[in-house]
Amino acid sequence: FMLGACDTLEVDNRKFDGDPKLEFAPTSETVDEGAGPVSTEIQLIGPQRSSDLPVSFSVADSSTAEEGTHFNLASTSATISANSSQTSVSVEVLDNNIDDGDTNYVLYLNLQNSQGIEAAENLRTFTLTIRGVDEE
């Protein structure tokens, strides 16, 4: 006895009913130096808002990647537009033209709480690993 795929498919009608949260998605990426722009999303977990939601993030002191040498950030803030659930953040990964001896540099971006919406504890940090390459 066989059932068709449509016969066993269930519709998922789950609804988020917790306090809204903010998150990075994805929370990590690994690229070679000189990769150019790398992006991640800041997402609103929960109902969309009827007004814009400004969000900000900071570079953690524990980062080993240095701004201007390994990366550049155009801004440390973004806006989730009204009736939307996400916005994009871009990091420009630079080529420092130095023999790095295959050293990795790590950039940690920490999402801040915004307008009473907390950053989800386990999703508040974006980790960008920049693989140093040997220059010839």
N, C-alpha and C. Protein backbone atom coordinates (compact mmCIF):
# COMPACT_ATOMS: atom_id res chain seq x y z
N PHE A 1 0.84 -1.17 0.00
CA PHE A 1 0.00 0.00 0.00
C PHE A 1 0.89 1.24 0.00
N MET A 2 0.72 2.13 -0.97
CA MET A 2 1.52 3.35 -1.07
C MET A 2 0.61 4.57 -0.97
N LEU A 3 1.12 5.57 -0.29
CA LEU A 3 0.44 6.85 -0.23
C LEU A 3 1.21 7.85 -1.07
N GLY A 4 0.54 8.73 -1.73
CA GLY A 4 1.21 9.79 -2.47
C GLY A 4 1.80 10.80 -1.49
N ALA A 5 2.81 11.49 -1.93
CA ALA A 5 3.48 12.48 -1.07
C ALA A 5 2.51 13.53 -0.56
N CYS A 6 1.53 13.90 -1.36
CA CYS A 6 0.57 14.92 -0.95
C CYS A 6 -0.34 14.42 0.17
N ASP A 7 -0.55 13.09 0.23
CA ASP A 7 -1.43 12.53 1.23
C ASP A 7 -0.81 12.58 2.63
N THR A 8 0.51 12.60 2.73
CA THR A 8 1.16 12.57 4.04
C THR A 8 1.72 13.92 4.46
N LEU A 9 1.58 14.94 3.63
CA LEU A 9 2.12 16.26 3.93
C LEU A 9 1.21 16.99 4.90
N GLU A 10 1.78 17.46 6.00
CA GLU A 10 1.01 18.23 6.97
C GLU A 10 1.44 19.69 6.89
N VAL A 11 0.49 20.58 7.06
CA VAL A 11 0.77 22.00 7.07
C VAL A 11 1.17 22.40 8.48
N ASP A 12 2.26 23.13 8.60
CA ASP A 12 2.77 23.57 9.89
C ASP A 12 2.20 24.95 10.19
N ASN A 13 1.34 25.03 11.17
CA ASN A 13 0.70 26.30 11.53
C ASN A 13 1.22 26.84 12.85
N ARG A 14 2.51 26.59 13.14
CA ARG A 14 3.07 27.09 14.39
C ARG A 14 3.10 28.61 14.38
N LYS A 15 2.92 29.18 15.54
CA LYS A 15 2.97 30.63 15.69
C LYS A 15 3.92 30.97 16.82
N PHE A 16 4.82 31.92 16.59
CA PHE A 16 5.74 32.36 17.64
C PHE A 16 4.95 33.22 18.62
N ASP A 17 5.01 32.87 19.91
CA ASP A 17 4.25 33.65 20.89
C ASP A 17 5.11 34.13 22.06
N GLY A 18 6.42 34.04 21.92
CA GLY A 18 7.31 34.54 22.96
C GLY A 18 7.60 36.02 22.76
N ASP A 19 8.45 36.55 23.64
CA ASP A 19 8.90 37.93 23.48
C ASP A 19 9.74 38.02 22.22
N PRO A 20 9.59 39.10 21.44
CA PRO A 20 10.41 39.22 20.23
C PRO A 20 11.90 39.30 20.58
N LYS A 21 12.73 38.83 19.68
CA LYS A 21 14.19 38.83 19.86
C LYS A 21 14.84 39.28 18.55
N LEU A 22 16.10 39.64 18.66
CA LEU A 22 16.93 39.95 17.49
C LEU A 22 18.01 38.89 17.38
N GLU A 23 18.42 38.57 16.15
CA GLU A 23 19.46 37.57 15.95
C GLU A 23 20.26 37.86 14.69
N PHE A 24 21.50 37.37 14.67
CA PHE A 24 22.28 37.30 13.45
C PHE A 24 21.97 35.96 12.80
N ALA A 25 21.88 35.95 11.47
CA ALA A 25 21.70 34.69 10.74
C ALA A 25 22.34 34.82 9.37
N PRO A 26 23.37 34.09 9.08
CA PRO A 26 24.01 33.08 9.92
C PRO A 26 24.82 33.76 11.02
N THR A 27 25.27 32.94 11.97
CA THR A 27 26.05 33.48 13.09
C THR A 27 27.55 33.34 12.87
N SER A 28 27.96 32.68 11.78
CA SER A 28 29.40 32.57 11.52
C SER A 28 29.67 32.39 10.03
N GLU A 29 30.88 32.77 9.65
CA GLU A 29 31.34 32.65 8.26
C GLU A 29 32.86 32.61 8.30
N THR A 30 33.45 31.86 7.37
CA THR A 30 34.90 31.81 7.22
C THR A 30 35.25 32.10 5.78
N VAL A 31 36.16 33.07 5.57
CA VAL A 31 36.56 33.47 4.22
C VAL A 31 38.06 33.74 4.20
N ASP A 32 38.63 33.76 3.01
CA ASP A 32 40.02 34.16 2.84
C ASP A 32 40.13 35.67 2.86
N GLU A 33 41.29 36.18 3.31
CA GLU A 33 41.49 37.63 3.23
C GLU A 33 41.34 38.06 1.78
N GLY A 34 40.86 39.29 1.59
CA GLY A 34 40.63 39.79 0.24
C GLY A 34 39.33 39.31 -0.36
N ALA A 35 38.47 38.69 0.42
CA ALA A 35 37.21 38.12 -0.10
C ALA A 35 36.23 39.18 -0.57
N GLY A 36 36.42 40.42 -0.13
CA GLY A 36 35.45 41.45 -0.50
C GLY A 36 34.28 41.46 0.47
N PRO A 37 33.10 41.86 -0.01
CA PRO A 37 31.96 41.97 0.91
C PRO A 37 31.44 40.61 1.38
N VAL A 38 31.21 40.52 2.68
CA VAL A 38 30.61 39.36 3.31
C VAL A 38 29.40 39.89 4.07
N SER A 39 28.26 39.22 3.93
CA SER A 39 27.08 39.74 4.60
C SER A 39 26.46 38.72 5.53
N THR A 40 25.74 39.25 6.50
CA THR A 40 24.91 38.47 7.40
C THR A 40 23.62 39.26 7.57
N GLU A 41 22.61 38.61 8.06
CA GLU A 41 21.33 39.27 8.28
C GLU A 41 21.12 39.50 9.77
N ILE A 42 20.47 40.60 10.10
CA ILE A 42 19.93 40.79 11.43
C ILE A 42 18.44 40.56 11.27
N GLN A 43 17.92 39.60 12.04
CA GLN A 43 16.52 39.22 11.89
C GLN A 43 15.74 39.51 13.16
N LEU A 44 14.48 39.86 12.95
CA LEU A 44 13.53 40.03 14.04
C LEU A 44 12.78 38.71 14.19
N ILE A 45 12.91 38.10 15.36
CA ILE A 45 12.17 36.87 15.65
C ILE A 45 10.89 37.31 16.35
N GLY A 46 9.77 37.11 15.72
CA GLY A 46 8.50 37.55 16.27
C GLY A 46 7.74 38.35 15.24
N PRO A 47 6.64 38.95 15.64
CA PRO A 47 5.80 39.69 14.70
C PRO A 47 6.53 40.89 14.10
N GLN A 48 6.25 41.15 12.84
CA GLN A 48 6.79 42.34 12.20
C GLN A 48 6.19 43.57 12.86
N ARG A 49 6.93 44.66 12.79
CA ARG A 49 6.49 45.91 13.40
C ARG A 49 5.92 46.84 12.35
N SER A 50 5.07 47.74 12.79
CA SER A 50 4.46 48.70 11.86
C SER A 50 5.34 49.92 11.64
N SER A 51 6.46 50.01 12.37
CA SER A 51 7.40 51.12 12.18
C SER A 51 8.82 50.56 12.06
N ASP A 52 9.71 51.37 11.53
CA ASP A 52 11.11 50.95 11.38
C ASP A 52 11.72 50.63 12.75
N LEU A 53 12.62 49.65 12.75
CA LEU A 53 13.33 49.27 13.98
C LEU A 53 14.82 49.47 13.76
N PRO A 54 15.41 50.52 14.35
CA PRO A 54 16.86 50.71 14.24
C PRO A 54 17.56 49.66 15.11
N VAL A 55 18.63 49.08 14.56
CA VAL A 55 19.41 48.09 15.30
C VAL A 55 20.88 48.48 15.21
N SER A 56 21.64 48.11 16.22
CA SER A 56 23.06 48.41 16.19
C SER A 56 23.85 47.22 16.72
N PHE A 57 25.13 47.25 16.40
CA PHE A 57 26.04 46.19 16.82
C PHE A 57 27.39 46.81 17.04
N SER A 58 28.25 46.11 17.76
CA SER A 58 29.58 46.63 18.04
C SER A 58 30.62 45.57 17.75
N VAL A 59 31.85 46.02 17.54
CA VAL A 59 32.98 45.11 17.37
C VAL A 59 33.49 44.77 18.77
N ALA A 60 33.54 43.48 19.08
CA ALA A 60 34.00 43.05 20.40
C ALA A 60 35.49 43.29 20.57
N ASP A 61 35.87 43.68 21.77
CA ASP A 61 37.29 43.89 22.08
C ASP A 61 38.12 42.63 21.89
N SER A 62 37.49 41.47 21.98
CA SER A 62 38.19 40.20 21.83
C SER A 62 38.51 39.84 20.37
N SER A 63 38.06 40.67 19.44
CA SER A 63 38.37 40.43 18.03
C SER A 63 39.86 40.54 17.77
N THR A 64 40.41 39.64 16.96
CA THR A 64 41.82 39.74 16.58
C THR A 64 41.98 40.41 15.22
N ALA A 65 40.91 40.49 14.44
CA ALA A 65 40.93 41.22 13.17
C ALA A 65 40.88 42.71 13.47
N GLU A 66 41.66 43.49 12.72
CA GLU A 66 41.73 44.93 12.95
C GLU A 66 41.06 45.68 11.82
N GLU A 67 40.21 46.66 12.20
CA GLU A 67 39.54 47.48 11.20
C GLU A 67 40.59 48.30 10.45
N GLY A 68 40.44 48.37 9.14
CA GLY A 68 41.38 49.09 8.29
C GLY A 68 42.52 48.21 7.81
N THR A 69 42.79 47.11 8.49
CA THR A 69 43.84 46.17 8.09
C THR A 69 43.24 44.88 7.53
N HIS A 70 42.27 44.33 8.26
CA HIS A 70 41.65 43.07 7.86
C HIS A 70 40.22 43.24 7.35
N PHE A 71 39.55 44.30 7.79
CA PHE A 71 38.15 44.52 7.39
C PHE A 71 37.80 45.99 7.49
N ASN A 72 36.71 46.36 6.85
CA ASN A 72 36.10 47.67 7.02
C ASN A 72 34.60 47.48 7.21
N LEU A 73 34.03 48.30 8.07
CA LEU A 73 32.59 48.35 8.27
C LEU A 73 32.10 49.72 7.84
N ALA A 74 31.08 49.76 7.01
CA ALA A 74 30.52 51.05 6.60
C ALA A 74 29.76 51.69 7.75
N SER A 75 29.19 50.84 8.62
CA SER A 75 28.37 51.33 9.72
C SER A 75 28.24 50.25 10.78
N THR A 76 27.89 50.65 11.99
CA THR A 76 27.59 49.68 13.05
C THR A 76 26.11 49.77 13.42
N SER A 77 25.31 50.21 12.46
CA SER A 77 23.86 50.25 12.66
C SER A 77 23.16 49.93 11.34
N ALA A 78 21.92 49.53 11.46
CA ALA A 78 21.09 49.21 10.30
C ALA A 78 19.64 49.39 10.73
N THR A 79 18.72 49.24 9.80
CA THR A 79 17.31 49.41 10.10
C THR A 79 16.51 48.25 9.51
N ILE A 80 15.71 47.63 10.36
CA ILE A 80 14.73 46.66 9.87
C ILE A 80 13.49 47.49 9.52
N SER A 81 13.18 47.56 8.24
CA SER A 81 12.07 48.40 7.78
C SER A 81 10.73 47.91 8.33
N ALA A 82 9.79 48.82 8.44
CA ALA A 82 8.43 48.49 8.87
C ALA A 82 7.90 47.35 8.00
N ASN A 83 7.15 46.45 8.61
CA ASN A 83 6.53 45.31 7.93
C ASN A 83 7.56 44.38 7.29
N SER A 84 8.73 44.31 7.90
CA SER A 84 9.80 43.42 7.44
C SER A 84 10.37 42.71 8.66
N SER A 85 11.17 41.68 8.40
CA SER A 85 11.75 40.91 9.50
C SER A 85 13.27 40.88 9.48
N GLN A 86 13.90 41.56 8.52
CA GLN A 86 15.36 41.46 8.46
C GLN A 86 15.98 42.64 7.73
N THR A 87 17.28 42.78 7.98
CA THR A 87 18.11 43.73 7.27
C THR A 87 19.48 43.11 7.09
N SER A 88 20.23 43.58 6.13
CA SER A 88 21.53 43.01 5.82
C SER A 88 22.64 43.89 6.37
N VAL A 89 23.71 43.23 6.83
CA VAL A 89 24.91 43.91 7.31
C VAL A 89 26.08 43.40 6.47
N SER A 90 26.92 44.30 6.00
CA SER A 90 28.04 43.90 5.16
C SER A 90 29.37 44.28 5.81
N VAL A 91 30.32 43.35 5.71
CA VAL A 91 31.70 43.57 6.18
C VAL A 91 32.59 43.43 4.95
N GLU A 92 33.42 44.43 4.69
CA GLU A 92 34.37 44.36 3.57
C GLU A 92 35.65 43.70 4.09
N VAL A 93 35.96 42.52 3.55
CA VAL A 93 37.16 41.79 3.98
C VAL A 93 38.31 42.20 3.07
N LEU A 94 39.36 42.73 3.68
CA LEU A 94 40.49 43.30 2.94
C LEU A 94 41.63 42.30 2.76
N ASP A 95 42.47 42.57 1.80
CA ASP A 95 43.73 41.83 1.63
C ASP A 95 44.81 42.76 2.16
N ASN A 96 45.47 42.36 3.25
CA ASN A 96 46.46 43.24 3.86
C ASN A 96 47.83 43.18 3.19
N ASN A 97 47.96 42.32 2.15
CA ASN A 97 49.22 42.21 1.40
C ASN A 97 50.44 41.93 2.28
N ILE A 98 50.23 41.20 3.36
CA ILE A 98 51.31 40.82 4.27
C ILE A 98 51.35 39.30 4.33
N ASP A 99 52.56 38.75 4.46
CA ASP A 99 52.67 37.30 4.64
C ASP A 99 52.20 36.98 6.04
N ASP A 100 50.98 36.45 6.13
CA ASP A 100 50.36 36.19 7.42
C ASP A 100 50.74 34.84 8.01
N GLY A 101 51.48 34.04 7.24
CA GLY A 101 51.85 32.72 7.75
C GLY A 101 50.63 31.86 8.04
N ASP A 102 49.62 32.03 7.25
CA ASP A 102 48.36 31.29 7.40
C ASP A 102 47.68 31.54 8.75
N THR A 103 47.85 32.74 9.31
CA THR A 103 47.20 33.12 10.55
C THR A 103 45.74 33.46 10.28
N ASN A 104 44.87 33.04 11.17
CA ASN A 104 43.46 33.43 11.08
C ASN A 104 43.21 34.63 11.97
N TYR A 105 42.36 35.54 11.50
CA TYR A 105 41.94 36.70 12.27
C TYR A 105 40.44 36.58 12.46
N VAL A 106 39.97 36.92 13.66
CA VAL A 106 38.56 36.73 13.96
C VAL A 106 37.92 38.06 14.33
N LEU A 107 36.78 38.32 13.71
CA LEU A 107 35.97 39.50 13.99
C LEU A 107 34.69 39.04 14.66
N TYR A 108 34.39 39.61 15.83
CA TYR A 108 33.14 39.33 16.53
C TYR A 108 32.29 40.59 16.50
N LEU A 109 31.08 40.47 15.94
CA LEU A 109 30.11 41.56 15.98
C LEU A 109 29.04 41.18 16.99
N ASN A 110 28.78 42.05 17.95
CA ASN A 110 27.79 41.80 18.99
C ASN A 110 26.57 42.68 18.79
N LEU A 111 25.44 42.03 18.64
CA LEU A 111 24.17 42.71 18.44
C LEU A 111 23.70 43.32 19.75
N GLN A 112 23.20 44.54 19.69
CA GLN A 112 22.71 45.24 20.87
C GLN A 112 21.19 45.13 20.97
N ASN A 113 20.64 45.29 22.17
CA ASN A 113 19.20 45.37 22.35
C ASN A 113 18.71 46.65 21.70
N SER A 114 17.45 46.65 21.23
CA SER A 114 16.92 47.83 20.55
C SER A 114 15.45 48.02 20.86
N GLN A 115 15.11 49.18 21.32
CA GLN A 115 13.72 49.56 21.60
C GLN A 115 12.96 48.48 22.37
N GLY A 116 13.59 47.98 23.42
CA GLY A 116 12.94 46.99 24.27
C GLY A 116 12.98 45.56 23.73
N ILE A 117 13.61 45.36 22.58
CA ILE A 117 13.73 44.02 22.02
C ILE A 117 15.15 43.54 22.29
N GLU A 118 15.26 42.42 23.00
CA GLU A 118 16.56 41.89 23.36
C GLU A 118 17.17 41.09 22.22
N ALA A 119 18.49 41.11 22.16
CA ALA A 119 19.21 40.23 21.25
C ALA A 119 19.21 38.83 21.88
N ALA A 120 18.85 37.82 21.09
CA ALA A 120 18.80 36.45 21.59
C ALA A 120 20.19 36.05 22.08
N GLU A 121 20.26 35.53 23.28
CA GLU A 121 21.54 35.25 23.93
C GLU A 121 22.47 34.40 23.08
N ASN A 122 21.98 33.34 22.49
CA ASN A 122 22.84 32.43 21.73
C ASN A 122 22.95 32.79 20.25
N LEU A 123 22.33 33.89 19.82
CA LEU A 123 22.36 34.30 18.41
C LEU A 123 22.76 35.76 18.26
N ARG A 124 23.34 36.33 19.29
CA ARG A 124 23.65 37.76 19.28
C ARG A 124 25.02 38.10 18.72
N THR A 125 25.86 37.08 18.48
CA THR A 125 27.22 37.33 17.99
C THR A 125 27.41 36.71 16.61
N PHE A 126 27.93 37.54 15.69
CA PHE A 126 28.35 37.07 14.37
C PHE A 126 29.86 36.93 14.42
N THR A 127 30.37 35.74 14.09
CA THR A 127 31.81 35.47 14.11
C THR A 127 32.29 35.32 12.67
N LEU A 128 33.16 36.22 12.26
CA LEU A 128 33.76 36.17 10.93
C LEU A 128 35.23 35.79 11.08
N THR A 129 35.59 34.61 10.58
CA THR A 129 36.98 34.17 10.59
C THR A 129 37.59 34.50 9.23
N ILE A 130 38.67 35.26 9.26
CA ILE A 130 39.36 35.68 8.04
C ILE A 130 40.68 34.88 7.99
N ARG A 131 40.78 34.01 7.01
CA ARG A 131 41.99 33.20 6.86
C ARG A 131 43.08 34.04 6.20
N GLY A 132 44.18 34.23 6.90
CA GLY A 132 45.33 34.90 6.31
C GLY A 132 45.97 33.99 5.28
N VAL A 133 46.48 34.57 4.23
CA VAL A 133 47.14 33.76 3.19
C VAL A 133 48.57 34.25 3.02
N ASP A 134 49.45 33.35 2.62
CA ASP A 134 50.83 33.73 2.36
C ASP A 134 50.91 34.53 1.08
N GLU A 135 51.52 35.68 1.16
CA GLU A 135 51.73 36.50 -0.04
C GLU A 135 52.96 36.02 -0.76
N GLU A 136 52.93 36.08 -2.08
CA GLU A 136 54.06 35.61 -2.87
C GLU A 136 54.89 36.77 -3.35
